[in-house]
Amino acid sequence: MELNGLLDQIPALIAPEEATRMKQLSLGSYLEAIQDWPRFAEVSFDFLEKYGQDDFEMLMKTAYNFYLNVDKPEYLGKVLAWIETSVQTEATFVNLYLQAALQKKLGQKEKALASAQASLKAAQEQESDTEMIEQLINEIRQL
């Protein structure tokens, strides 16, 4: 076996769980890059189920990709459930915004408006830019 083949096996031998996690993360990034959203959704669900629900940044990035690129209600509903858990743990203007955006996409106008308004309030308290949130509120009101 050549040296490169041996080097490829080292992570799996030393830390097999981490090697599996990194391989799945890389596959998700690749599918995102080539915009294969159906496969991205499957890989992302699998990854988040195993590793990512406690990783706030990973969860927000994945949820935003689902909001922008995935239309299957069953996928969006599952991502929304994860975001709702995140909001219950610690509400931030970011996860409240994503909650509102997903609720909007799922046709949950009243819930979306309440979440977006909570996001706006949280952003204002942190003196953060509110333009995207205000735009989302206007879009929700037009439903």
N, C-alpha and C. Protein backbone atom coordinates (compact mmCIF):
# COMPACT_ATOMS: atom_id res chain seq x y z
N MET A 1 0.85 -1.17 0.00
CA MET A 1 0.00 0.00 0.00
C MET A 1 0.90 1.24 0.00
N GLU A 2 0.54 2.22 -0.81
CA GLU A 2 1.36 3.42 -0.87
C GLU A 2 1.11 4.32 0.34
N LEU A 3 2.01 5.26 0.55
CA LEU A 3 1.98 6.13 1.72
C LEU A 3 0.67 6.91 1.83
N ASN A 4 0.17 7.46 0.72
CA ASN A 4 -1.07 8.23 0.78
C ASN A 4 -2.24 7.37 1.27
N GLY A 5 -2.28 6.13 0.86
CA GLY A 5 -3.34 5.23 1.32
C GLY A 5 -3.26 5.01 2.82
N LEU A 6 -2.05 4.86 3.33
CA LEU A 6 -1.87 4.70 4.78
C LEU A 6 -2.25 5.96 5.53
N LEU A 7 -1.85 7.11 4.99
CA LEU A 7 -2.17 8.38 5.64
C LEU A 7 -3.67 8.60 5.71
N ASP A 8 -4.38 8.18 4.67
CA ASP A 8 -5.84 8.33 4.66
C ASP A 8 -6.51 7.50 5.76
N GLN A 9 -5.87 6.42 6.16
CA GLN A 9 -6.46 5.52 7.16
C GLN A 9 -6.19 5.97 8.59
N ILE A 10 -5.20 6.82 8.80
CA ILE A 10 -4.81 7.20 10.16
C ILE A 10 -5.97 7.82 10.95
N PRO A 11 -6.70 8.80 10.41
CA PRO A 11 -7.80 9.37 11.22
C PRO A 11 -8.82 8.32 11.66
N ALA A 12 -9.15 7.40 10.76
CA ALA A 12 -10.13 6.38 11.10
C ALA A 12 -9.61 5.43 12.17
N LEU A 13 -8.31 5.20 12.20
CA LEU A 13 -7.72 4.32 13.21
C LEU A 13 -7.60 5.01 14.56
N ILE A 14 -7.24 6.27 14.56
CA ILE A 14 -7.02 7.00 15.81
C ILE A 14 -8.35 7.44 16.43
N ALA A 15 -9.21 8.02 15.64
CA ALA A 15 -10.49 8.54 16.15
C ALA A 15 -11.58 8.26 15.13
N PRO A 16 -12.08 7.02 15.11
CA PRO A 16 -13.05 6.66 14.06
C PRO A 16 -14.32 7.51 14.06
N GLU A 17 -14.82 7.87 15.23
CA GLU A 17 -16.04 8.68 15.28
C GLU A 17 -15.80 10.06 14.69
N GLU A 18 -14.66 10.66 15.01
CA GLU A 18 -14.32 11.98 14.47
C GLU A 18 -14.09 11.90 12.96
N ALA A 19 -13.47 10.81 12.50
CA ALA A 19 -13.24 10.64 11.07
C ALA A 19 -14.57 10.54 10.33
N THR A 20 -15.51 9.81 10.89
CA THR A 20 -16.84 9.69 10.28
C THR A 20 -17.54 11.05 10.26
N ARG A 21 -17.45 11.79 11.36
CA ARG A 21 -18.07 13.11 11.44
C ARG A 21 -17.50 14.05 10.39
N MET A 22 -16.17 14.06 10.27
CA MET A 22 -15.53 14.95 9.30
C MET A 22 -15.86 14.56 7.86
N LYS A 23 -15.94 13.27 7.60
CA LYS A 23 -16.29 12.80 6.26
C LYS A 23 -17.71 13.24 5.90
N GLN A 24 -18.63 13.09 6.84
CA GLN A 24 -20.02 13.48 6.58
C GLN A 24 -20.14 15.00 6.44
N LEU A 25 -19.41 15.74 7.25
CA LEU A 25 -19.40 17.20 7.15
C LEU A 25 -18.86 17.64 5.80
N SER A 26 -17.81 17.00 5.35
CA SER A 26 -17.23 17.32 4.03
C SER A 26 -18.21 17.02 2.91
N LEU A 27 -18.90 15.89 3.02
CA LEU A 27 -19.89 15.54 2.00
C LEU A 27 -21.01 16.58 1.96
N GLY A 28 -21.48 17.02 3.12
CA GLY A 28 -22.51 18.05 3.17
C GLY A 28 -22.04 19.34 2.52
N SER A 29 -20.80 19.73 2.80
CA SER A 29 -20.24 20.95 2.20
C SER A 29 -20.13 20.81 0.69
N TYR A 30 -19.73 19.63 0.23
CA TYR A 30 -19.62 19.39 -1.21
C TYR A 30 -21.00 19.48 -1.87
N LEU A 31 -21.99 18.84 -1.28
CA LEU A 31 -23.34 18.86 -1.85
C LEU A 31 -23.92 20.28 -1.85
N GLU A 32 -23.58 21.05 -0.83
CA GLU A 32 -23.98 22.46 -0.81
C GLU A 32 -23.32 23.22 -1.95
N ALA A 33 -22.03 22.97 -2.16
CA ALA A 33 -21.28 23.67 -3.20
C ALA A 33 -21.83 23.37 -4.60
N ILE A 34 -22.24 22.12 -4.83
CA ILE A 34 -22.77 21.77 -6.16
C ILE A 34 -24.28 21.95 -6.22
N GLN A 35 -24.87 22.42 -5.13
CA GLN A 35 -26.30 22.72 -5.03
C GLN A 35 -27.18 21.50 -5.30
N ASP A 36 -26.76 20.37 -4.77
CA ASP A 36 -27.58 19.15 -4.82
C ASP A 36 -28.42 19.14 -3.55
N TRP A 37 -29.50 19.92 -3.55
CA TRP A 37 -30.27 20.15 -2.33
C TRP A 37 -30.99 18.93 -1.80
N PRO A 38 -31.53 18.04 -2.64
CA PRO A 38 -32.14 16.83 -2.06
C PRO A 38 -31.14 15.97 -1.28
N ARG A 39 -29.97 15.74 -1.86
CA ARG A 39 -28.95 14.95 -1.14
C ARG A 39 -28.37 15.74 0.03
N PHE A 40 -28.23 17.06 -0.13
CA PHE A 40 -27.77 17.91 0.97
C PHE A 40 -28.72 17.76 2.16
N ALA A 41 -30.03 17.76 1.89
CA ALA A 41 -31.01 17.63 2.97
C ALA A 41 -30.84 16.31 3.71
N GLU A 42 -30.70 15.23 2.98
CA GLU A 42 -30.54 13.91 3.61
C GLU A 42 -29.27 13.85 4.45
N VAL A 43 -28.16 14.29 3.89
CA VAL A 43 -26.88 14.24 4.60
C VAL A 43 -26.92 15.17 5.81
N SER A 44 -27.51 16.34 5.65
CA SER A 44 -27.58 17.30 6.75
C SER A 44 -28.43 16.78 7.90
N PHE A 45 -29.56 16.15 7.58
CA PHE A 45 -30.39 15.58 8.64
C PHE A 45 -29.62 14.54 9.42
N ASP A 46 -28.96 13.66 8.68
CA ASP A 46 -28.19 12.61 9.32
C ASP A 46 -27.11 13.21 10.21
N PHE A 47 -26.40 14.21 9.68
CA PHE A 47 -25.32 14.85 10.43
C PHE A 47 -25.85 15.54 11.68
N LEU A 48 -26.91 16.32 11.53
CA LEU A 48 -27.45 17.05 12.69
C LEU A 48 -28.03 16.11 13.74
N GLU A 49 -28.63 15.03 13.29
CA GLU A 49 -29.15 14.04 14.25
C GLU A 49 -28.02 13.49 15.11
N LYS A 50 -26.88 13.23 14.49
CA LYS A 50 -25.76 12.62 15.20
C LYS A 50 -24.90 13.62 15.95
N TYR A 51 -24.66 14.80 15.35
CA TYR A 51 -23.60 15.66 15.87
C TYR A 51 -23.97 17.12 16.11
N GLY A 52 -24.92 17.64 15.36
CA GLY A 52 -24.96 19.09 15.25
C GLY A 52 -26.01 19.88 15.97
N GLN A 53 -26.97 19.25 16.64
CA GLN A 53 -28.04 20.04 17.22
C GLN A 53 -27.56 20.94 18.36
N ASP A 54 -26.45 20.58 18.98
CA ASP A 54 -25.91 21.41 20.06
C ASP A 54 -24.90 22.43 19.55
N ASP A 55 -24.59 22.37 18.27
CA ASP A 55 -23.64 23.30 17.66
C ASP A 55 -24.46 24.44 17.04
N PHE A 56 -24.57 25.55 17.76
CA PHE A 56 -25.44 26.65 17.35
C PHE A 56 -25.12 27.14 15.95
N GLU A 57 -23.85 27.37 15.67
CA GLU A 57 -23.46 27.90 14.36
C GLU A 57 -23.80 26.93 13.24
N MET A 58 -23.52 25.65 13.43
CA MET A 58 -23.83 24.64 12.42
C MET A 58 -25.34 24.56 12.19
N LEU A 59 -26.09 24.57 13.26
CA LEU A 59 -27.54 24.50 13.15
C LEU A 59 -28.11 25.70 12.40
N MET A 60 -27.62 26.90 12.71
CA MET A 60 -28.12 28.11 12.05
C MET A 60 -27.77 28.10 10.56
N LYS A 61 -26.54 27.71 10.24
CA LYS A 61 -26.11 27.66 8.83
C LYS A 61 -26.97 26.66 8.05
N THR A 62 -27.18 25.49 8.63
CA THR A 62 -27.96 24.47 7.95
C THR A 62 -29.42 24.91 7.81
N ALA A 63 -29.97 25.48 8.85
CA ALA A 63 -31.36 25.95 8.80
C ALA A 63 -31.53 27.01 7.72
N TYR A 64 -30.57 27.92 7.62
CA TYR A 64 -30.65 28.97 6.61
C TYR A 64 -30.59 28.37 5.20
N ASN A 65 -29.73 27.37 4.99
CA ASN A 65 -29.66 26.70 3.70
C ASN A 65 -30.99 26.02 3.37
N PHE A 66 -31.60 25.40 4.37
CA PHE A 66 -32.90 24.77 4.14
C PHE A 66 -33.94 25.82 3.77
N TYR A 67 -33.95 26.92 4.49
CA TYR A 67 -34.91 27.99 4.21
C TYR A 67 -34.76 28.48 2.77
N LEU A 68 -33.54 28.67 2.33
CA LEU A 68 -33.30 29.20 0.98
C LEU A 68 -33.51 28.18 -0.12
N ASN A 69 -33.22 26.90 0.13
CA ASN A 69 -33.05 25.95 -0.97
C ASN A 69 -33.90 24.69 -0.92
N VAL A 70 -34.60 24.44 0.15
CA VAL A 70 -35.36 23.19 0.28
C VAL A 70 -36.84 23.54 0.42
N ASP A 71 -37.68 22.81 -0.30
CA ASP A 71 -39.11 23.12 -0.28
C ASP A 71 -39.97 22.01 0.34
N LYS A 72 -39.39 20.87 0.65
CA LYS A 72 -40.19 19.77 1.20
C LYS A 72 -40.66 20.12 2.61
N PRO A 73 -41.98 20.18 2.82
CA PRO A 73 -42.50 20.55 4.14
C PRO A 73 -42.00 19.65 5.27
N GLU A 74 -41.84 18.35 4.99
CA GLU A 74 -41.39 17.46 6.07
C GLU A 74 -39.96 17.78 6.50
N TYR A 75 -39.12 18.17 5.55
CA TYR A 75 -37.76 18.58 5.90
C TYR A 75 -37.78 19.91 6.66
N LEU A 76 -38.54 20.85 6.15
CA LEU A 76 -38.62 22.17 6.78
C LEU A 76 -39.20 22.07 8.19
N GLY A 77 -40.19 21.20 8.36
CA GLY A 77 -40.79 21.01 9.68
C GLY A 77 -39.80 20.47 10.69
N LYS A 78 -38.96 19.56 10.25
CA LYS A 78 -37.96 18.99 11.16
C LYS A 78 -36.91 20.03 11.54
N VAL A 79 -36.46 20.80 10.56
CA VAL A 79 -35.49 21.86 10.85
C VAL A 79 -36.13 22.90 11.78
N LEU A 80 -37.39 23.23 11.53
CA LEU A 80 -38.09 24.17 12.40
C LEU A 80 -38.14 23.66 13.84
N ALA A 81 -38.38 22.37 14.01
CA ALA A 81 -38.42 21.80 15.37
C ALA A 81 -37.07 21.98 16.06
N TRP A 82 -35.98 21.79 15.32
CA TRP A 82 -34.65 21.99 15.91
C TRP A 82 -34.44 23.45 16.29
N ILE A 83 -34.87 24.35 15.42
CA ILE A 83 -34.72 25.78 15.70
C ILE A 83 -35.58 26.17 16.91
N GLU A 84 -36.78 25.63 17.00
CA GLU A 84 -37.63 25.92 18.15
C GLU A 84 -36.98 25.47 19.45
N THR A 85 -36.31 24.32 19.42
CA THR A 85 -35.57 23.85 20.60
C THR A 85 -34.44 24.81 20.92
N SER A 86 -33.76 25.29 19.89
CA SER A 86 -32.69 26.26 20.09
C SER A 86 -33.23 27.54 20.72
N VAL A 87 -34.38 28.00 20.26
CA VAL A 87 -35.00 29.21 20.81
C VAL A 87 -35.37 29.00 22.28
N GLN A 88 -35.89 27.81 22.60
CA GLN A 88 -36.25 27.52 23.99
C GLN A 88 -35.02 27.50 24.89
N THR A 89 -33.90 27.04 24.34
CA THR A 89 -32.65 27.00 25.11
C THR A 89 -32.11 28.40 25.34
N GLU A 90 -32.01 29.16 24.25
CA GLU A 90 -31.54 30.54 24.34
C GLU A 90 -32.02 31.30 23.11
N ALA A 91 -32.98 32.16 23.30
CA ALA A 91 -33.52 32.94 22.18
C ALA A 91 -32.54 34.06 21.82
N THR A 92 -32.18 34.08 20.54
CA THR A 92 -31.35 35.16 20.00
C THR A 92 -32.07 35.72 18.78
N PHE A 93 -31.67 36.89 18.34
CA PHE A 93 -32.34 37.42 17.15
C PHE A 93 -32.06 36.55 15.94
N VAL A 94 -30.95 35.83 15.93
CA VAL A 94 -30.61 34.97 14.79
C VAL A 94 -31.54 33.76 14.74
N ASN A 95 -31.66 33.01 15.84
CA ASN A 95 -32.51 31.83 15.76
C ASN A 95 -33.99 32.19 15.71
N LEU A 96 -34.38 33.32 16.30
CA LEU A 96 -35.76 33.78 16.16
C LEU A 96 -36.07 34.17 14.71
N TYR A 97 -35.09 34.79 14.04
CA TYR A 97 -35.26 35.15 12.63
C TYR A 97 -35.46 33.89 11.78
N LEU A 98 -34.60 32.89 12.00
CA LEU A 98 -34.73 31.66 11.22
C LEU A 98 -36.03 30.93 11.54
N GLN A 99 -36.45 30.97 12.78
CA GLN A 99 -37.73 30.37 13.15
C GLN A 99 -38.85 31.06 12.37
N ALA A 100 -38.84 32.38 12.34
CA ALA A 100 -39.86 33.14 11.61
C ALA A 100 -39.82 32.83 10.12
N ALA A 101 -38.62 32.77 9.56
CA ALA A 101 -38.48 32.52 8.12
C ALA A 101 -39.01 31.13 7.75
N LEU A 102 -38.69 30.13 8.57
CA LEU A 102 -39.19 28.78 8.30
C LEU A 102 -40.70 28.71 8.50
N GLN A 103 -41.21 29.36 9.52
CA GLN A 103 -42.66 29.38 9.74
C GLN A 103 -43.36 30.05 8.56
N LYS A 104 -42.77 31.12 8.05
CA LYS A 104 -43.33 31.81 6.88
C LYS A 104 -43.38 30.85 5.69
N LYS A 105 -42.28 30.16 5.47
CA LYS A 105 -42.20 29.25 4.32
C LYS A 105 -43.21 28.11 4.45
N LEU A 106 -43.53 27.74 5.69
CA LEU A 106 -44.50 26.68 5.93
C LEU A 106 -45.94 27.20 6.01
N GLY A 107 -46.12 28.52 5.79
CA GLY A 107 -47.46 29.11 5.77
C GLY A 107 -48.04 29.38 7.15
N GLN A 108 -47.20 29.43 8.17
CA GLN A 108 -47.66 29.68 9.54
C GLN A 108 -47.55 31.18 9.84
N LYS A 109 -48.43 31.96 9.23
CA LYS A 109 -48.32 33.42 9.24
C LYS A 109 -48.28 34.02 10.64
N GLU A 110 -49.21 33.67 11.50
CA GLU A 110 -49.28 34.28 12.84
C GLU A 110 -48.04 33.94 13.66
N LYS A 111 -47.65 32.67 13.63
CA LYS A 111 -46.44 32.27 14.36
C LYS A 111 -45.21 32.97 13.79
N ALA A 112 -45.15 33.06 12.47
CA ALA A 112 -44.01 33.71 11.82
C ALA A 112 -43.91 35.17 12.22
N LEU A 113 -45.04 35.84 12.24
CA LEU A 113 -45.05 37.26 12.61
C LEU A 113 -44.60 37.45 14.06
N ALA A 114 -45.09 36.60 14.95
CA ALA A 114 -44.69 36.70 16.36
C ALA A 114 -43.19 36.44 16.53
N SER A 115 -42.67 35.45 15.83
CA SER A 115 -41.24 35.14 15.92
C SER A 115 -40.40 36.27 15.34
N ALA A 116 -40.84 36.82 14.22
CA ALA A 116 -40.10 37.91 13.58
C ALA A 116 -40.09 39.16 14.47
N GLN A 117 -41.21 39.44 15.10
CA GLN A 117 -41.27 40.59 16.00
C GLN A 117 -40.37 40.38 17.23
N ALA A 118 -40.32 39.16 17.72
CA ALA A 118 -39.41 38.85 18.84
C ALA A 118 -37.96 38.99 18.39
N SER A 119 -37.66 38.58 17.16
CA SER A 119 -36.32 38.73 16.61
C SER A 119 -35.94 40.21 16.50
N LEU A 120 -36.89 41.01 16.01
CA LEU A 120 -36.65 42.45 15.88
C LEU A 120 -36.35 43.08 17.25
N LYS A 121 -37.13 42.72 18.24
CA LYS A 121 -36.92 43.27 19.58
C LYS A 121 -35.54 42.87 20.12
N ALA A 122 -35.17 41.60 19.94
CA ALA A 122 -33.86 41.13 20.41
C ALA A 122 -32.72 41.83 19.68
N ALA A 123 -32.88 42.03 18.38
CA ALA A 123 -31.84 42.72 17.59
C ALA A 123 -31.71 44.18 18.04
N GLN A 124 -32.83 44.82 18.29
CA GLN A 124 -32.79 46.22 18.74
C GLN A 124 -32.12 46.33 20.11
N GLU A 125 -32.38 45.37 20.98
CA GLU A 125 -31.75 45.38 22.31
C GLU A 125 -30.24 45.24 22.22
N GLN A 126 -29.77 44.52 21.18
CA GLN A 126 -28.33 44.33 20.98
C GLN A 126 -27.74 45.38 20.05
N GLU A 127 -28.58 46.32 19.63
CA GLU A 127 -28.16 47.37 18.70
C GLU A 127 -27.57 46.78 17.41
N SER A 128 -28.21 45.71 16.94
CA SER A 128 -27.80 45.06 15.69
C SER A 128 -28.63 45.60 14.53
N ASP A 129 -28.15 45.37 13.34
CA ASP A 129 -28.87 45.79 12.13
C ASP A 129 -30.19 45.03 12.06
N THR A 130 -31.26 45.73 11.78
CA THR A 130 -32.59 45.12 11.76
C THR A 130 -33.22 45.09 10.36
N GLU A 131 -32.50 45.50 9.36
CA GLU A 131 -33.07 45.62 8.01
C GLU A 131 -33.66 44.30 7.51
N MET A 132 -32.91 43.19 7.63
CA MET A 132 -33.41 41.90 7.15
C MET A 132 -34.65 41.47 7.92
N ILE A 133 -34.67 41.73 9.20
CA ILE A 133 -35.81 41.34 10.03
C ILE A 133 -37.04 42.16 9.63
N GLU A 134 -36.86 43.45 9.44
CA GLU A 134 -37.98 44.31 9.02
C GLU A 134 -38.51 43.88 7.66
N GLN A 135 -37.62 43.50 6.77
CA GLN A 135 -38.03 43.02 5.45
C GLN A 135 -38.85 41.73 5.60
N LEU A 136 -38.40 40.83 6.46
CA LEU A 136 -39.14 39.59 6.69
C LEU A 136 -40.53 39.89 7.27
N ILE A 137 -40.61 40.81 8.20
CA ILE A 137 -41.91 41.18 8.78
C ILE A 137 -42.85 41.69 7.68
N ASN A 138 -42.35 42.52 6.79
CA ASN A 138 -43.18 43.02 5.68
C ASN A 138 -43.63 41.89 4.77
N GLU A 139 -42.74 40.94 4.49
CA GLU A 139 -43.10 39.79 3.64
C GLU A 139 -44.19 38.95 4.31
N ILE A 140 -44.05 38.74 5.62
CA ILE A 140 -45.04 37.95 6.35
C ILE A 140 -46.40 38.64 6.32
N ARG A 141 -46.41 39.93 6.53
CA ARG A 141 -47.68 40.69 6.54
C ARG A 141 -48.38 40.62 5.19
N GLN A 142 -47.62 40.43 4.11
CA GLN A 142 -48.21 40.37 2.77
C GLN A 142 -48.78 38.99 2.44
N LEU A 143 -48.59 38.02 3.30
CA LEU A 143 -49.13 36.67 3.03
C LEU A 143 -50.65 36.68 3.09
